[in-house]
Amino acid sequence: MEFFKGANGLAYLIGLLAVAMIIEAIMPWRHGVKIDLARWLRNASMAFYTMMIFTLLPVLADYGGAVTAQARGIGLFNQIAAPIWPQLVFSVLALDLLTYGQHRATHKWYIFWRLHRVHHSDTHIDATTSLRFHPMETIARAAVELPVIFLLGVPPEAILLSFAIQTFSNTITHTNIALPRSMDRLAAGIFVTPHIHRLHHSTAPEHQYSNFGTIFTFWDRLFGTYCGPENLRKNETFGIEGPEQMPRESFANLALDPFRTPERAAIPTPFHAAAARQESASDDP
């Protein structure tokens, strides 16, 4: 697990991105997409800002919290003599469930949607979209994760393992690759696949409010938010429709998007969409 620490973790991320982008070029799901270097750089800027913050303030990082908990004997696993492998498995599952809950919260409460909106404003989904998370969202997630890490006494090795698996899943599920439908359906029984996550990025509110999982699909199935890959259309549109969509793509607009409050601000969910249609109908003469 030590391999994924520090610079090695960054090299792992860059290597995954490079492989994903090569596969996109060889077997794309959506053909005819032009290379947009400016967009790639804008998406990468979000990850760069986040890495700078966590480098300057390592106390905010999950790994730092796990090391501190272990050193001070804080948390469940630091109080019992459990073998390391059950700790790793339980921790990865617990952290993935927590990530599901955090993701769902960003689509439920507007204060969190502000932070997550920049990720959904990307109108083309590819490997670089996996980098497009605002640093304020990452910090907010860490603020929720750290108490859980201390409560459970999650071992540092589990943080590194979770990082490796979640980074792999996050990269692959955003990649513009064409998996055979049969393979996608089979894998979707357990894992989040590109087709499943593409649905989550659809402009259709009923699809956007589904498939919140990062690694496993069973959280969505358990909590009734699963939408199968058979619902994905070849001409699916991605991004956000209406006033919540970013007016213009730029480095500044990505960085400042959490501070933007559009007119008729509302999270694009099936519930808000229905309310907006009802309001529009009542305004008609």
Protein backbone atom coordinates (compact mmCIF):
# COMPACT_ATOMS: atom_id res chain seq x y z
CA MET A 1 0.00 0.00 0.00
CA GLU A 2 2.95 2.34 0.60
CA PHE A 3 3.31 2.69 -3.17
CA PHE A 4 0.31 5.02 -3.31
CA LYS A 5 1.79 7.60 -0.92
CA GLY A 6 2.94 11.05 -2.02
CA ALA A 7 4.47 11.39 -5.47
CA ASN A 8 3.71 7.75 -6.27
CA GLY A 9 0.00 8.45 -5.79
CA LEU A 10 0.22 11.34 -8.24
CA ALA A 11 2.10 9.15 -10.73
CA TYR A 12 -0.62 6.51 -10.37
CA LEU A 13 -3.33 9.08 -11.15
CA ILE A 14 -1.45 10.45 -14.17
CA GLY A 15 -0.77 6.93 -15.43
CA LEU A 16 -4.45 6.01 -15.14
CA LEU A 17 -5.46 9.15 -17.03
CA ALA A 18 -2.94 8.43 -19.79
CA VAL A 19 -4.15 4.85 -20.23
CA ALA A 20 -7.81 5.94 -20.14
CA MET A 21 -7.23 8.59 -22.79
CA ILE A 22 -5.47 6.09 -25.05
CA ILE A 23 -8.40 3.67 -24.70
CA GLU A 24 -10.81 6.54 -25.45
CA ALA A 25 -8.98 7.15 -28.72
CA ILE A 26 -9.06 3.46 -29.68
CA MET A 27 -12.61 2.49 -28.69
CA PRO A 28 -14.71 5.60 -27.99
CA TRP A 29 -18.34 5.38 -26.92
CA ARG A 30 -19.15 8.71 -28.56
CA HIS A 31 -17.36 9.19 -31.88
CA GLY A 32 -16.29 12.41 -33.52
CA VAL A 33 -15.36 14.25 -30.33
CA LYS A 34 -12.64 16.80 -31.04
CA ILE A 35 -9.61 17.13 -28.79
CA ASP A 36 -10.09 20.25 -26.65
CA LEU A 37 -6.81 20.95 -24.87
CA ALA A 38 -8.18 24.10 -23.21
CA ARG A 39 -11.01 22.09 -21.66
CA TRP A 40 -8.59 19.40 -20.48
CA LEU A 41 -6.46 22.07 -18.79
CA ARG A 42 -9.49 23.70 -17.17
CA ASN A 43 -10.57 20.34 -15.74
CA ALA A 44 -7.04 19.56 -14.57
CA SER A 45 -6.81 22.95 -12.85
CA MET A 46 -9.42 21.82 -10.31
CA ALA A 47 -7.27 18.84 -9.29
CA PHE A 48 -4.16 21.05 -9.20
CA TYR A 49 -5.76 23.53 -6.78
CA THR A 50 -6.90 20.65 -4.57
CA MET A 51 -3.45 19.05 -4.47
CA MET A 52 -1.89 22.40 -3.54
CA ILE A 53 -4.31 22.88 -0.66
CA PHE A 54 -3.77 19.39 0.75
CA THR A 55 0.01 19.74 0.34
CA LEU A 56 -0.02 22.98 2.33
CA LEU A 57 -2.56 21.71 4.88
CA PRO A 58 -1.96 17.93 5.22
CA VAL A 59 -4.03 17.86 8.42
CA LEU A 60 -7.10 18.02 6.14
CA ALA A 61 -6.11 14.83 4.31
CA ASP A 62 -7.68 11.47 5.19
CA TYR A 63 -4.29 9.76 5.34
CA GLY A 64 -2.99 12.26 7.88
CA GLY A 65 -6.08 11.66 10.02
CA ALA A 66 -5.63 7.88 9.88
CA VAL A 67 -1.96 8.15 10.88
CA THR A 68 -2.87 10.41 13.81
CA ALA A 69 -5.67 8.07 14.96
CA GLN A 70 -3.34 5.07 14.81
CA ALA A 71 -0.54 6.86 16.69
CA ARG A 72 -2.91 7.91 19.49
CA GLY A 73 -4.93 4.71 19.65
CA ILE A 74 -8.17 6.44 18.63
CA GLY A 75 -11.05 4.52 17.07
CA LEU A 76 -12.54 1.04 16.95
CA PHE A 77 -9.80 -0.75 15.02
CA ASN A 78 -7.11 0.74 17.24
CA GLN A 79 -8.84 -0.77 20.30
CA ILE A 80 -9.29 -4.33 19.08
CA ALA A 81 -6.80 -6.92 17.84
CA ALA A 82 -8.32 -7.53 14.41
CA PRO A 83 -6.27 -8.86 11.46
CA ILE A 84 -5.40 -6.19 8.90
CA TRP A 85 -7.32 -7.70 5.96
CA PRO A 86 -10.78 -7.58 7.57
CA GLN A 87 -9.98 -4.01 8.59
CA LEU A 88 -9.10 -3.14 4.98
CA VAL A 89 -12.24 -4.72 3.54
CA PHE A 90 -14.55 -3.15 6.12
CA SER A 91 -12.89 0.26 5.76
CA VAL A 92 -13.11 0.30 1.96
CA LEU A 93 -16.81 -0.62 2.14
CA ALA A 94 -17.48 1.95 4.88
CA LEU A 95 -15.68 4.73 3.01
CA ASP A 96 -17.50 3.87 -0.23
CA LEU A 97 -20.85 4.01 1.60
CA LEU A 98 -19.83 7.36 3.08
CA THR A 99 -18.91 8.62 -0.40
CA TYR A 100 -22.34 7.51 -1.65
CA GLY A 101 -23.99 9.49 1.15
CA GLN A 102 -21.87 12.56 0.49
CA HIS A 103 -22.59 12.43 -3.24
CA ARG A 104 -26.31 12.08 -2.65
CA ALA A 105 -26.21 15.04 -0.25
CA THR A 106 -24.69 17.25 -2.97
CA HIS A 107 -27.82 16.58 -5.06
CA LYS A 108 -30.21 17.18 -2.16
CA TRP A 109 -29.09 20.38 -0.41
CA TYR A 110 -28.25 23.48 -2.38
CA ILE A 111 -25.34 24.51 -0.14
CA PHE A 112 -23.54 21.31 -1.20
CA TRP A 113 -24.83 21.43 -4.78
CA ARG A 114 -23.01 24.77 -5.17
CA LEU A 115 -19.73 22.93 -4.61
CA HIS A 116 -20.60 19.94 -6.81
CA ARG A 117 -22.19 21.89 -9.68
CA VAL A 118 -18.87 22.56 -11.43
CA HIS A 119 -18.41 18.81 -11.92
CA HIS A 120 -21.81 18.42 -13.58
CA SER A 121 -21.41 21.46 -15.82
CA ASP A 122 -19.05 19.53 -18.12
CA THR A 123 -21.01 18.91 -21.32
CA HIS A 124 -18.69 16.17 -22.57
CA ILE A 125 -17.79 13.27 -20.31
CA ASP A 126 -14.28 11.85 -20.63
CA ALA A 127 -11.32 10.93 -18.45
CA THR A 128 -10.52 14.56 -17.63
CA THR A 129 -14.01 15.00 -16.13
CA SER A 130 -12.77 12.80 -13.27
CA LEU A 131 -10.47 15.72 -12.30
CA ARG A 132 -13.21 18.33 -12.40
CA PHE A 133 -14.09 18.53 -8.69
CA HIS A 134 -13.93 21.92 -7.03
CA PRO A 135 -11.39 22.02 -4.17
CA MET A 136 -14.07 23.39 -1.84
CA GLU A 137 -16.10 20.22 -2.43
CA THR A 138 -13.06 18.04 -1.71
CA ILE A 139 -12.39 19.93 1.53
CA ALA A 140 -16.06 19.62 2.56
CA ARG A 141 -15.94 15.87 1.92
CA ALA A 142 -12.74 15.55 3.96
CA ALA A 143 -14.40 17.41 6.84
CA VAL A 144 -17.07 14.69 6.92
CA GLU A 145 -14.65 11.80 6.36
CA LEU A 146 -12.17 12.68 9.11
CA PRO A 147 -14.58 12.12 12.05
CA VAL A 148 -15.55 8.74 10.57
CA ILE A 149 -11.88 7.82 10.16
CA PHE A 150 -11.23 8.71 13.81
CA LEU A 151 -14.38 6.91 15.00
CA LEU A 152 -13.52 3.67 13.21
CA GLY A 153 -9.77 3.98 13.58
CA VAL A 154 -9.39 3.35 9.85
CA PRO A 155 -5.81 2.15 9.29
CA PRO A 156 -3.59 4.27 7.00
CA GLU A 157 -3.23 1.24 4.69
CA ALA A 158 -7.01 1.27 4.15
CA ILE A 159 -6.93 4.96 3.18
CA LEU A 160 -4.28 4.18 0.55
CA LEU A 161 -6.21 1.14 -0.72
CA SER A 162 -9.43 3.13 -0.88
CA PHE A 163 -7.61 5.91 -2.74
CA ALA A 164 -6.28 3.42 -5.29
CA ILE A 165 -9.67 1.77 -5.92
CA GLN A 166 -11.73 4.97 -5.91
CA THR A 167 -9.25 6.74 -8.20
CA PHE A 168 -9.36 3.81 -10.62
CA SER A 169 -13.17 3.69 -10.55
CA ASN A 170 -13.58 7.47 -10.80
CA THR A 171 -11.27 7.61 -13.83
CA ILE A 172 -12.74 4.64 -15.68
CA THR A 173 -16.38 5.53 -15.09
CA HIS A 174 -15.88 8.99 -16.61
CA THR A 175 -13.92 7.67 -19.60
CA ASN A 176 -15.49 7.90 -23.06
CA ILE A 177 -15.04 4.20 -23.80
CA ALA A 178 -17.40 1.71 -25.39
CA LEU A 179 -17.74 -1.45 -23.33
CA PRO A 180 -19.79 -4.28 -24.82
CA ARG A 181 -23.34 -4.04 -23.44
CA SER A 182 -23.16 -7.61 -22.11
CA MET A 183 -19.93 -6.86 -20.23
CA ASP A 184 -21.34 -3.61 -18.86
CA ARG A 185 -24.52 -5.32 -17.60
CA LEU A 186 -22.52 -8.12 -15.98
CA ALA A 187 -20.10 -5.77 -14.24
CA ALA A 188 -22.97 -3.50 -13.14
CA GLY A 189 -24.19 -6.26 -10.86
CA ILE A 190 -21.44 -5.20 -8.45
CA PHE A 191 -19.43 -2.29 -9.84
CA VAL A 192 -20.18 1.17 -11.19
CA THR A 193 -19.50 1.13 -14.94
CA PRO A 194 -19.07 3.92 -17.54
CA HIS A 195 -22.64 3.46 -18.81
CA ILE A 196 -24.08 3.69 -15.30
CA HIS A 197 -22.15 6.83 -14.42
CA ARG A 198 -22.86 8.49 -17.77
CA LEU A 199 -26.55 8.32 -16.86
CA HIS A 200 -25.78 10.28 -13.71
CA HIS A 201 -24.28 13.05 -15.88
CA SER A 202 -27.35 13.24 -18.13
CA THR A 203 -29.23 16.52 -18.32
CA ALA A 204 -32.42 14.54 -17.55
CA PRO A 205 -33.18 15.23 -13.84
CA GLU A 206 -34.50 11.69 -13.25
CA HIS A 207 -31.17 10.26 -14.40
CA GLN A 208 -29.03 12.89 -12.70
CA TYR A 209 -30.72 12.03 -9.40
CA SER A 210 -29.55 8.42 -9.58
CA ASN A 211 -26.38 6.29 -9.53
CA PHE A 212 -24.49 8.07 -6.76
CA GLY A 213 -22.07 5.19 -6.13
CA THR A 214 -18.34 5.43 -6.82
CA ILE A 215 -17.09 1.83 -6.63
CA PHE A 216 -20.08 -0.42 -5.94
CA THR A 217 -23.64 -0.34 -7.25
CA PHE A 218 -25.21 -2.09 -4.27
CA TRP A 219 -25.59 1.16 -2.30
CA ASP A 220 -27.76 2.60 -5.08
CA ARG A 221 -29.72 -0.65 -5.27
CA LEU A 222 -30.17 -0.74 -1.49
CA PHE A 223 -31.37 2.88 -1.23
CA GLY A 224 -33.49 2.92 -4.39
CA THR A 225 -31.38 5.26 -6.53
CA TYR A 226 -30.12 2.73 -9.08
CA CYS A 227 -30.79 3.30 -12.79
CA GLY A 228 -29.59 0.54 -15.11
CA PRO A 229 -27.30 1.03 -18.14
CA GLU A 230 -30.09 -0.03 -20.51
CA ASN A 231 -31.60 3.45 -19.95
CA LEU A 232 -28.63 5.23 -21.55
CA ARG A 233 -29.34 6.64 -25.01
CA LYS A 234 -26.66 7.03 -27.67
CA ASN A 235 -27.66 10.66 -28.13
CA GLU A 236 -27.69 11.38 -24.37
CA THR A 237 -26.93 15.01 -23.55
CA PHE A 238 -24.66 15.82 -20.62
CA GLY A 239 -24.28 18.79 -18.32
CA ILE A 240 -26.95 20.95 -16.70
CA GLU A 241 -29.91 22.59 -18.39
CA GLY A 242 -31.30 25.92 -17.30
CA PRO A 243 -29.83 28.68 -15.11
CA GLU A 244 -27.65 26.30 -13.08
CA GLN A 245 -25.43 25.67 -16.14
CA MET A 246 -22.20 27.69 -16.13
CA PRO A 247 -22.64 30.72 -18.45
CA ARG A 248 -19.21 30.35 -20.05
CA GLU A 249 -16.31 27.93 -19.60
CA SER A 250 -13.19 29.61 -18.22
CA PHE A 251 -10.61 29.01 -15.49
CA ALA A 252 -12.12 31.85 -13.45
CA ASN A 253 -15.71 30.65 -13.83
CA LEU A 254 -14.78 27.13 -12.70
CA ALA A 255 -12.96 28.49 -9.64
CA LEU A 256 -15.73 30.94 -8.70
CA ASP A 257 -18.77 28.80 -9.55
CA PRO A 258 -19.65 27.91 -5.90
CA PHE A 259 -20.24 31.62 -5.28
CA ARG A 260 -22.71 31.99 -8.19
CA THR A 261 -26.43 32.12 -7.39
CA PRO A 262 -28.50 32.12 -10.59
CA GLU A 263 -32.08 33.29 -10.81
CA ARG A 264 -34.55 30.55 -9.90
CA ALA A 265 -31.70 28.58 -8.36
CA ALA A 266 -32.62 24.93 -7.88
CA ILE A 267 -30.90 21.57 -7.94
CA PRO A 268 -31.90 19.66 -11.12
CA THR A 269 -33.81 16.80 -9.49
CA PRO A 270 -37.09 15.18 -10.60
CA PHE A 271 -38.82 16.94 -7.69
CA HIS A 272 -37.57 20.42 -8.57
CA ALA A 273 -38.21 19.81 -12.28
CA ALA A 274 -41.83 18.91 -11.56
CA ALA A 275 -42.22 21.99 -9.36
CA ALA A 276 -40.69 24.21 -12.07
CA ARG A 277 -43.09 22.81 -14.69
CA GLN A 278 -46.04 23.41 -12.37
CA GLU A 279 -44.88 26.98 -11.68
CA SER A 280 -44.40 27.62 -15.41
CA ALA A 281 -47.88 26.28 -16.14
CA SER A 282 -49.42 28.53 -13.49
CA ASP A 283 -47.65 31.58 -15.01
CA ASP A 284 -49.20 30.91 -18.44
CA PRO A 285 -52.30 33.01 -19.19
